[in-house]
Amino acid sequence: MWYSAYLLMKGNSPTRSPAEVLWEESIVLVQAESEDDAAVKARAVGKAAETEYISATEETIRWALERIGCVSEIGPTISTGTEVFSRFLRSSEVESLLKKFED
């Protein structure tokens, strides 16, 4: 069975304030026997994505898995148009998503 899993990654630097932390939400696909197994596999994907590097501004940036969110069963097959993730949003969440990143 295929599942989608929501990963929340946190990008942090010792030189940045908590307000300057970057976040990345990622939806990944995992093939698993159960929802619990899918969550375990999604956690492994998130942990494998953790990294640390020196940025162009010479900061040490560390990306770490913060949490696994919703794990949803998709079905046994995937084809064009298969929904892999959806969620309901409040107006304030939509406003935040539509706001441009400020450099």
N, C-alpha and C. Protein backbone atom coordinates (compact mmCIF):
# COMPACT_ATOMS: atom_id res chain seq x y z
N MET A 1 0.84 -1.17 0.00
CA MET A 1 0.00 0.00 0.00
C MET A 1 0.89 1.24 0.00
N TRP A 2 0.45 2.27 -0.67
CA TRP A 2 1.17 3.54 -0.69
C TRP A 2 0.56 4.51 0.32
N TYR A 3 1.43 5.29 0.95
CA TYR A 3 1.03 6.30 1.92
C TYR A 3 1.76 7.60 1.62
N SER A 4 1.12 8.70 1.95
CA SER A 4 1.82 9.99 1.94
C SER A 4 2.12 10.35 3.40
N ALA A 5 3.23 11.01 3.59
CA ALA A 5 3.61 11.43 4.95
C ALA A 5 4.11 12.86 4.90
N TYR A 6 3.67 13.63 5.87
CA TYR A 6 4.03 15.03 5.99
C TYR A 6 5.25 15.12 6.91
N LEU A 7 6.36 15.69 6.38
CA LEU A 7 7.57 15.88 7.18
C LEU A 7 7.75 17.37 7.43
N LEU A 8 8.11 17.73 8.64
CA LEU A 8 8.42 19.12 8.97
C LEU A 8 9.89 19.18 9.35
N MET A 9 10.66 19.90 8.54
CA MET A 9 12.10 20.04 8.74
C MET A 9 12.40 21.45 9.26
N LYS A 10 13.40 21.54 10.14
CA LYS A 10 13.79 22.81 10.74
C LYS A 10 15.22 23.14 10.35
N GLY A 11 15.42 24.33 9.78
CA GLY A 11 16.74 24.79 9.40
C GLY A 11 17.21 25.84 10.38
N ASN A 12 18.26 25.53 11.11
CA ASN A 12 18.70 26.39 12.20
C ASN A 12 20.18 26.69 12.08
N SER A 13 20.58 27.80 12.67
CA SER A 13 21.97 28.19 12.74
C SER A 13 22.22 28.78 14.13
N PRO A 14 23.37 28.48 14.73
CA PRO A 14 23.66 29.04 16.05
C PRO A 14 23.74 30.57 16.05
N THR A 15 23.94 31.16 14.87
CA THR A 15 24.06 32.62 14.80
C THR A 15 22.73 33.31 14.55
N ARG A 16 21.66 32.56 14.38
CA ARG A 16 20.35 33.15 14.09
C ARG A 16 19.45 33.11 15.32
N SER A 17 18.55 34.06 15.38
CA SER A 17 17.56 34.08 16.46
C SER A 17 16.46 33.07 16.15
N PRO A 18 15.68 32.67 17.16
CA PRO A 18 14.57 31.74 16.90
C PRO A 18 13.57 32.25 15.85
N ALA A 19 13.44 33.56 15.73
CA ALA A 19 12.51 34.12 14.74
C ALA A 19 13.03 33.96 13.32
N GLU A 20 14.33 33.68 13.17
CA GLU A 20 14.93 33.55 11.84
C GLU A 20 15.07 32.10 11.39
N VAL A 21 14.56 31.17 12.16
CA VAL A 21 14.61 29.76 11.79
C VAL A 21 13.80 29.55 10.52
N LEU A 22 14.33 28.75 9.60
CA LEU A 22 13.59 28.40 8.39
C LEU A 22 12.93 27.04 8.60
N TRP A 23 11.77 26.86 7.98
CA TRP A 23 11.04 25.61 8.06
C TRP A 23 10.77 25.11 6.66
N GLU A 24 10.76 23.81 6.51
CA GLU A 24 10.39 23.20 5.24
C GLU A 24 9.36 22.12 5.51
N GLU A 25 8.25 22.19 4.80
CA GLU A 25 7.29 21.10 4.86
C GLU A 25 7.44 20.30 3.59
N SER A 26 7.43 19.01 3.73
CA SER A 26 7.66 18.11 2.61
C SER A 26 6.66 16.96 2.70
N ILE A 27 6.12 16.60 1.56
CA ILE A 27 5.23 15.45 1.49
C ILE A 27 5.97 14.36 0.73
N VAL A 28 6.13 13.21 1.35
CA VAL A 28 6.84 12.11 0.70
C VAL A 28 5.92 10.91 0.56
N LEU A 29 6.24 10.06 -0.39
CA LEU A 29 5.51 8.82 -0.59
C LEU A 29 6.32 7.67 -0.02
N VAL A 30 5.64 6.78 0.68
CA VAL A 30 6.29 5.57 1.18
C VAL A 30 5.38 4.38 0.90
N GLN A 31 6.01 3.27 0.61
CA GLN A 31 5.25 2.03 0.42
C GLN A 31 5.43 1.21 1.68
N ALA A 32 4.32 0.80 2.28
CA ALA A 32 4.38 0.12 3.57
C ALA A 32 3.18 -0.81 3.73
N GLU A 33 3.29 -1.68 4.72
CA GLU A 33 2.23 -2.65 5.01
C GLU A 33 1.11 -2.05 5.86
N SER A 34 1.43 -0.98 6.62
CA SER A 34 0.44 -0.38 7.52
C SER A 34 0.78 1.08 7.74
N GLU A 35 -0.14 1.82 8.34
CA GLU A 35 0.10 3.22 8.65
C GLU A 35 1.27 3.38 9.62
N ASP A 36 1.35 2.49 10.61
CA ASP A 36 2.47 2.55 11.57
C ASP A 36 3.80 2.31 10.87
N ASP A 37 3.83 1.32 9.97
CA ASP A 37 5.03 1.03 9.20
C ASP A 37 5.38 2.22 8.31
N ALA A 38 4.38 2.85 7.73
CA ALA A 38 4.61 4.03 6.88
C ALA A 38 5.23 5.17 7.69
N ALA A 39 4.77 5.36 8.92
CA ALA A 39 5.33 6.41 9.78
C ALA A 39 6.80 6.13 10.09
N VAL A 40 7.12 4.87 10.34
CA VAL A 40 8.52 4.49 10.61
C VAL A 40 9.38 4.77 9.37
N LYS A 41 8.88 4.41 8.21
CA LYS A 41 9.63 4.63 6.98
C LYS A 41 9.76 6.13 6.68
N ALA A 42 8.72 6.89 6.94
CA ALA A 42 8.76 8.34 6.72
C ALA A 42 9.79 8.98 7.65
N ARG A 43 9.85 8.53 8.88
CA ARG A 43 10.85 9.04 9.82
C ARG A 43 12.26 8.76 9.30
N ALA A 44 12.47 7.58 8.75
CA ALA A 44 13.78 7.24 8.19
C ALA A 44 14.13 8.16 7.01
N VAL A 45 13.13 8.48 6.17
CA VAL A 45 13.36 9.40 5.06
C VAL A 45 13.75 10.77 5.59
N GLY A 46 13.02 11.25 6.59
CA GLY A 46 13.33 12.55 7.19
C GLY A 46 14.70 12.58 7.84
N LYS A 47 15.05 11.54 8.56
CA LYS A 47 16.36 11.47 9.21
C LYS A 47 17.47 11.45 8.16
N ALA A 48 17.25 10.74 7.05
CA ALA A 48 18.24 10.68 5.98
C ALA A 48 18.43 12.04 5.31
N ALA A 49 17.41 12.89 5.38
CA ALA A 49 17.48 14.22 4.76
C ALA A 49 18.18 15.24 5.66
N GLU A 50 18.41 14.90 6.91
CA GLU A 50 19.10 15.83 7.80
C GLU A 50 20.50 16.11 7.27
N THR A 51 20.90 17.36 7.34
CA THR A 51 22.21 17.74 6.81
C THR A 51 22.73 18.98 7.52
N GLU A 52 24.01 19.20 7.39
CA GLU A 52 24.64 20.39 7.93
C GLU A 52 25.64 20.89 6.90
N TYR A 53 25.68 22.20 6.68
CA TYR A 53 26.59 22.76 5.69
C TYR A 53 26.91 24.20 6.03
N ILE A 54 27.91 24.74 5.36
CA ILE A 54 28.27 26.15 5.49
C ILE A 54 27.60 26.89 4.33
N SER A 55 26.81 27.91 4.68
CA SER A 55 26.05 28.66 3.67
C SER A 55 26.94 29.67 2.95
N ALA A 56 26.37 30.34 1.97
CA ALA A 56 27.09 31.38 1.21
C ALA A 56 27.49 32.54 2.11
N THR A 57 26.76 32.72 3.22
CA THR A 57 27.10 33.79 4.18
C THR A 57 27.98 33.26 5.31
N GLU A 58 28.54 32.06 5.10
CA GLU A 58 29.47 31.41 6.02
C GLU A 58 28.85 31.07 7.38
N GLU A 59 27.56 30.82 7.37
CA GLU A 59 26.88 30.33 8.57
C GLU A 59 26.80 28.81 8.50
N THR A 60 26.88 28.18 9.64
CA THR A 60 26.61 26.75 9.70
C THR A 60 25.10 26.57 9.77
N ILE A 61 24.56 25.89 8.81
CA ILE A 61 23.12 25.62 8.76
C ILE A 61 22.91 24.14 9.00
N ARG A 62 22.01 23.83 9.91
CA ARG A 62 21.69 22.43 10.19
C ARG A 62 20.21 22.21 9.97
N TRP A 63 19.90 21.32 9.05
CA TRP A 63 18.51 20.91 8.80
C TRP A 63 18.25 19.62 9.56
N ALA A 64 17.18 19.62 10.35
CA ALA A 64 16.85 18.44 11.15
C ALA A 64 15.35 18.16 11.06
N LEU A 65 15.02 16.90 11.14
CA LEU A 65 13.62 16.51 11.17
C LEU A 65 13.01 16.95 12.49
N GLU A 66 11.99 17.76 12.40
CA GLU A 66 11.31 18.24 13.61
C GLU A 66 10.19 17.28 14.01
N ARG A 67 9.41 16.84 13.00
CA ARG A 67 8.32 15.91 13.29
C ARG A 67 7.73 15.30 12.03
N ILE A 68 7.09 14.18 12.23
CA ILE A 68 6.29 13.55 11.19
C ILE A 68 4.85 13.96 11.48
N GLY A 69 4.20 14.51 10.48
CA GLY A 69 2.81 14.89 10.67
C GLY A 69 1.89 13.80 10.19
N CYS A 70 0.91 14.19 9.47
CA CYS A 70 -0.12 13.28 8.99
C CYS A 70 0.45 12.20 8.06
N VAL A 71 0.10 10.96 8.32
CA VAL A 71 0.40 9.84 7.43
C VAL A 71 -0.95 9.37 6.90
N SER A 72 -1.10 9.39 5.57
CA SER A 72 -2.39 9.07 4.96
C SER A 72 -2.26 7.96 3.93
N GLU A 73 -3.18 7.01 4.00
CA GLU A 73 -3.20 5.93 3.01
C GLU A 73 -3.66 6.49 1.68
N ILE A 74 -2.93 6.13 0.63
CA ILE A 74 -3.30 6.55 -0.72
C ILE A 74 -4.00 5.42 -1.43
N GLY A 75 -3.43 4.25 -1.38
CA GLY A 75 -4.03 3.10 -2.05
C GLY A 75 -2.94 2.20 -2.59
N PRO A 76 -3.35 1.14 -3.25
CA PRO A 76 -2.36 0.18 -3.75
C PRO A 76 -1.65 0.65 -5.01
N THR A 77 -2.27 1.57 -5.77
CA THR A 77 -1.64 2.04 -7.01
C THR A 77 -1.66 3.55 -7.06
N ILE A 78 -0.74 4.09 -7.83
CA ILE A 78 -0.64 5.53 -8.04
C ILE A 78 -0.70 5.78 -9.54
N SER A 79 -1.50 6.77 -9.93
CA SER A 79 -1.59 7.13 -11.35
C SER A 79 -1.81 8.64 -11.45
N THR A 80 -1.84 9.16 -12.65
CA THR A 80 -2.05 10.58 -12.86
C THR A 80 -3.30 11.04 -12.13
N GLY A 81 -3.16 12.09 -11.37
CA GLY A 81 -4.30 12.66 -10.65
C GLY A 81 -4.53 12.08 -9.27
N THR A 82 -3.74 11.11 -8.85
CA THR A 82 -3.89 10.55 -7.51
C THR A 82 -3.53 11.61 -6.48
N GLU A 83 -4.43 11.88 -5.58
CA GLU A 83 -4.15 12.86 -4.52
C GLU A 83 -3.22 12.23 -3.50
N VAL A 84 -2.13 12.92 -3.21
CA VAL A 84 -1.17 12.38 -2.24
C VAL A 84 -1.25 13.08 -0.89
N PHE A 85 -1.87 14.27 -0.86
CA PHE A 85 -1.99 14.99 0.41
C PHE A 85 -3.03 16.07 0.26
N SER A 86 -3.79 16.29 1.31
CA SER A 86 -4.69 17.44 1.36
C SER A 86 -4.95 17.77 2.83
N ARG A 87 -5.31 19.01 3.06
CA ARG A 87 -5.66 19.43 4.41
C ARG A 87 -6.56 20.65 4.32
N PHE A 88 -7.35 20.87 5.34
CA PHE A 88 -8.19 22.04 5.43
C PHE A 88 -7.39 23.13 6.12
N LEU A 89 -7.57 24.37 5.66
CA LEU A 89 -6.81 25.50 6.18
C LEU A 89 -7.72 26.60 6.68
N ARG A 90 -7.26 27.29 7.69
CA ARG A 90 -7.94 28.50 8.16
C ARG A 90 -7.47 29.67 7.29
N SER A 91 -8.22 30.76 7.28
CA SER A 91 -7.85 31.93 6.47
C SER A 91 -6.47 32.44 6.84
N SER A 92 -6.13 32.45 8.11
CA SER A 92 -4.81 32.94 8.54
C SER A 92 -3.69 32.06 7.97
N GLU A 93 -3.93 30.76 7.84
CA GLU A 93 -2.93 29.86 7.27
C GLU A 93 -2.73 30.14 5.79
N VAL A 94 -3.82 30.40 5.08
CA VAL A 94 -3.73 30.70 3.66
C VAL A 94 -2.99 32.02 3.47
N GLU A 95 -3.29 33.01 4.29
CA GLU A 95 -2.58 34.29 4.19
C GLU A 95 -1.08 34.09 4.37
N SER A 96 -0.71 33.26 5.31
CA SER A 96 0.70 32.98 5.54
C SER A 96 1.33 32.28 4.34
N LEU A 97 0.63 31.31 3.75
CA LEU A 97 1.15 30.59 2.59
C LEU A 97 1.30 31.51 1.37
N LEU A 98 0.43 32.49 1.23
CA LEU A 98 0.47 33.37 0.07
C LEU A 98 1.44 34.52 0.22
N LYS A 99 1.92 34.73 1.43
CA LYS A 99 2.86 35.84 1.68
C LYS A 99 4.23 35.49 1.11
N LYS A 100 4.82 36.43 0.37
CA LYS A 100 6.13 36.21 -0.22
C LYS A 100 7.21 36.17 0.85
N PHE A 101 8.23 35.35 0.59
CA PHE A 101 9.40 35.33 1.47
C PHE A 101 10.11 36.65 1.39
N GLU A 102 10.52 37.15 2.52
CA GLU A 102 11.31 38.38 2.54
C GLU A 102 12.76 37.99 2.71
N ASP A 103 13.61 38.55 1.88
CA ASP A 103 15.05 38.24 1.96
C ASP A 103 15.73 39.01 3.08
